[in-house]
Amino acid sequence: MLQQLKGEYEQSNVVFIEQDVDEPIGNRLDRWFAGHGIPGTVYLPLVMVDSGETVRSGSEDYHSAYGAMVDEAMDRPASARMTATGTLSGSFMRFDVQLTNTTGNTLSAANGATLVALLWSEPVSSSAVPIVGASGSAAISTLEDGETGSYRFEVPIGSIDPNRLRWVVLAEAQPPESTGAYDMLQAVAGP
């Protein structure tokens, strides 16, 4: 199913990534549950858009439901401006990020403001959906609305093939009106 959607959105600014729910890497599963917010049983697959702004679980018309989630996310304006560069250095990927806060609120530890890097090996088949192979994050120190901050952090690449390494850096935080869900403020994907 994700392969079909990946093909349909390949000319858009959309990245589809899978993760093993039994061996999650990084904080994406935590973000999903924060977005879900309802105690009780959930059923696979767990699907998330925009750091948990929209989540779904269980059996449904995947193509329609997931396509609608992506379309809705694409219609929402970004809440930050960001540039990110990644430099491979031995067994680490170093990220240098410039983030300008345009949320209308202060970003800080109080709202879980974070930069998250997800890394993967580009699949051999261009239609295959990549699987997260490494992740790392950096807290966003207090950044007032309109201010720009510079951040640097490193992520071990683990078993990812350096010749096929791809990445995305996300800026995320909990909006003031959120009951737990995080929102993606901006994202930058690298080669």
Protein backbone atom coordinates (compact mmCIF):
# COMPACT_ATOMS: atom_id res chain seq x y z
CA MET A 1 0.00 0.00 0.00
CA LEU A 2 2.71 2.52 0.93
CA GLN A 3 4.53 1.61 -2.28
CA GLN A 4 1.52 2.79 -4.30
CA LEU A 5 1.25 6.04 -2.34
CA LYS A 6 5.00 6.61 -2.61
CA GLY A 7 4.66 6.38 -6.38
CA GLU A 8 1.70 8.75 -6.45
CA TYR A 9 3.51 11.39 -4.37
CA GLU A 10 7.00 11.01 -5.86
CA GLN A 11 6.80 14.46 -7.48
CA SER A 12 5.67 16.03 -4.18
CA ASN A 13 7.65 17.03 -1.14
CA VAL A 14 6.62 13.87 0.76
CA VAL A 15 8.81 11.20 2.37
CA PHE A 16 7.33 7.81 3.24
CA ILE A 17 9.33 5.81 5.81
CA GLU A 18 8.49 2.62 7.67
CA GLN A 19 9.65 1.49 11.08
CA ASP A 20 9.62 -1.86 12.83
CA VAL A 21 7.09 -1.41 15.65
CA ASP A 22 8.65 -4.30 17.58
CA GLU A 23 12.13 -2.73 17.50
CA PRO A 24 11.50 1.01 17.17
CA ILE A 25 14.41 3.34 16.56
CA GLY A 26 14.24 6.83 18.04
CA ASN A 27 11.10 8.47 19.38
CA ARG A 28 8.58 7.92 16.56
CA LEU A 29 6.53 5.30 18.44
CA ASP A 30 6.33 7.66 21.43
CA ARG A 31 5.13 10.41 19.09
CA TRP A 32 2.46 8.09 17.68
CA PHE A 33 1.10 7.24 21.15
CA ALA A 34 1.19 10.92 22.19
CA GLY A 35 -0.92 11.69 19.12
CA HIS A 36 -3.28 8.79 19.76
CA GLY A 37 -3.81 9.78 23.38
CA ILE A 38 -6.53 7.18 24.04
CA PRO A 39 -5.81 4.36 26.48
CA GLY A 40 -6.62 0.85 25.39
CA THR A 41 -5.72 -1.54 22.63
CA VAL A 42 -4.45 -0.40 19.25
CA TYR A 43 -4.01 -2.54 16.16
CA LEU A 44 -1.31 -2.61 13.52
CA PRO A 45 -0.48 -0.87 11.35
CA LEU A 46 0.21 2.33 13.26
CA VAL A 47 0.34 5.25 10.82
CA MET A 48 1.46 8.78 11.59
CA VAL A 49 1.75 12.04 9.67
CA ASP A 50 3.52 15.19 10.87
CA SER A 51 5.05 13.88 14.11
CA GLY A 52 1.69 12.70 15.42
CA GLU A 53 -0.60 15.54 14.36
CA THR A 54 -2.64 12.82 12.64
CA VAL A 55 -2.50 9.13 13.58
CA ARG A 56 -4.44 6.03 12.59
CA SER A 57 -4.34 2.36 13.51
CA GLY A 58 -5.87 -0.90 12.44
CA SER A 59 -7.56 -2.11 9.32
CA GLU A 60 -9.19 0.40 6.97
CA ASP A 61 -9.18 1.57 3.37
CA TYR A 62 -5.47 2.35 3.51
CA HIS A 63 -5.15 4.11 0.19
CA SER A 64 -7.99 6.56 0.87
CA ALA A 65 -7.21 7.10 4.55
CA TYR A 66 -3.45 7.55 4.19
CA GLY A 67 -3.77 9.65 1.05
CA ALA A 68 -6.21 11.96 2.86
CA MET A 69 -3.79 12.25 5.80
CA VAL A 70 -0.95 13.26 3.48
CA ASP A 71 -3.12 15.70 1.51
CA GLU A 72 -4.29 17.36 4.73
CA ALA A 73 -0.70 17.69 5.95
CA MET A 74 0.41 19.20 2.65
CA ASP A 75 -2.33 21.85 2.93
CA ARG A 76 -1.08 23.06 6.32
CA PRO A 77 1.58 25.78 6.25
CA ALA A 78 4.96 25.14 7.86
CA SER A 79 5.49 26.73 11.29
CA ALA A 80 9.24 27.20 10.92
CA ARG A 81 11.93 27.81 8.33
CA MET A 82 14.84 25.41 8.39
CA THR A 83 17.99 24.49 6.54
CA ALA A 84 19.87 21.30 7.32
CA THR A 85 23.06 19.83 5.98
CA GLY A 86 24.35 16.38 6.71
CA THR A 87 28.01 15.43 6.57
CA LEU A 88 29.18 11.83 6.85
CA SER A 89 32.16 11.57 9.16
CA GLY A 90 33.31 7.98 9.65
CA SER A 91 30.48 6.10 11.34
CA PHE A 92 28.53 9.26 12.22
CA MET A 93 26.31 11.67 10.32
CA ARG A 94 26.76 15.24 11.54
CA PHE A 95 23.82 17.60 11.10
CA ASP A 96 24.10 21.38 11.05
CA VAL A 97 20.68 23.02 11.31
CA GLN A 98 19.46 26.61 11.14
CA LEU A 99 15.91 26.93 12.48
CA THR A 100 13.76 30.06 12.43
CA ASN A 101 10.75 29.88 14.72
CA THR A 102 7.57 31.20 13.04
CA THR A 103 5.06 29.39 15.31
CA GLY A 104 3.90 32.48 17.18
CA ASN A 105 5.08 30.78 20.40
CA THR A 106 8.36 30.15 22.17
CA LEU A 107 10.00 26.80 21.41
CA SER A 108 11.65 25.17 24.42
CA ALA A 109 11.80 22.08 26.63
CA ALA A 110 8.39 23.11 28.01
CA ASN A 111 6.72 22.12 24.71
CA GLY A 112 9.13 19.32 23.82
CA ALA A 113 10.75 21.26 20.98
CA THR A 114 13.16 18.86 19.28
CA LEU A 115 15.15 18.28 16.12
CA VAL A 116 14.97 14.65 15.03
CA ALA A 117 17.08 12.97 12.33
CA LEU A 118 15.87 9.73 10.73
CA LEU A 119 18.37 7.81 8.59
CA TRP A 120 17.89 4.87 6.24
CA SER A 121 19.46 2.98 3.35
CA GLU A 122 17.84 3.82 0.03
CA PRO A 123 16.11 0.61 -1.08
CA VAL A 124 17.45 -1.15 -4.17
CA SER A 125 13.98 -1.01 -5.76
CA SER A 126 12.84 2.58 -6.36
CA SER A 127 9.26 1.61 -5.50
CA ALA A 128 10.17 0.13 -2.10
CA VAL A 129 9.48 2.15 1.04
CA PRO A 130 12.62 2.66 3.14
CA ILE A 131 12.88 1.46 6.73
CA VAL A 132 14.42 3.65 9.46
CA GLY A 133 17.88 2.34 10.32
CA ALA A 134 19.13 5.03 12.73
CA SER A 135 17.82 8.06 14.57
CA GLY A 136 19.08 10.84 16.79
CA SER A 137 17.77 14.06 18.23
CA ALA A 138 18.71 17.37 19.78
CA ALA A 139 16.63 19.53 22.10
CA ILE A 140 15.75 22.97 20.81
CA SER A 141 16.89 25.44 23.44
CA THR A 142 14.63 28.41 24.11
CA LEU A 143 13.87 29.98 20.74
CA GLU A 144 11.48 32.93 20.74
CA ASP A 145 9.08 33.53 17.87
CA GLY A 146 10.97 35.15 14.99
CA GLU A 147 14.40 34.10 16.29
CA THR A 148 16.86 31.83 14.48
CA GLY A 149 18.93 29.22 16.25
CA SER A 150 21.88 27.11 15.10
CA TYR A 151 22.17 23.48 16.15
CA ARG A 152 24.68 20.69 15.57
CA PHE A 153 24.27 17.04 16.50
CA GLU A 154 25.59 13.65 15.40
CA VAL A 155 23.88 10.34 14.76
CA PRO A 156 25.70 6.98 14.53
CA ILE A 157 24.78 5.38 11.20
CA GLY A 158 25.02 1.83 12.54
CA SER A 159 24.62 -0.78 9.80
CA ILE A 160 23.34 1.68 7.16
CA ASP A 161 25.28 1.45 3.89
CA PRO A 162 27.05 4.86 3.63
CA ASN A 163 26.74 4.72 -0.17
CA ARG A 164 22.94 4.47 0.06
CA LEU A 165 22.40 6.65 3.15
CA ARG A 166 19.44 9.03 3.05
CA TRP A 167 18.02 11.21 5.82
CA VAL A 168 15.37 13.64 6.93
CA VAL A 169 15.58 16.17 9.79
CA LEU A 170 12.33 17.16 11.50
CA ALA A 171 11.64 20.11 13.78
CA GLU A 172 8.76 19.30 16.10
CA ALA A 173 7.00 20.55 19.22
CA GLN A 174 3.69 20.30 21.05
CA PRO A 175 1.38 23.18 20.06
CA PRO A 176 -0.14 25.12 22.99
CA GLU A 177 -3.62 23.70 22.31
CA SER A 178 -2.38 20.10 22.09
CA THR A 179 -3.50 17.47 24.56
CA GLY A 180 -0.34 15.48 23.85
CA ALA A 181 0.16 15.31 20.10
CA TYR A 182 3.31 16.78 18.60
CA ASP A 183 3.33 18.70 15.35
CA MET A 184 6.03 18.84 12.70
CA LEU A 185 7.06 22.45 12.25
CA GLN A 186 9.30 21.83 9.24
CA ALA A 187 11.35 19.06 7.66
CA VAL A 188 14.37 18.88 5.35
CA ALA A 189 15.36 15.72 3.48
CA GLY A 190 18.89 15.00 2.34
CA PRO A 191 20.37 12.98 -0.44
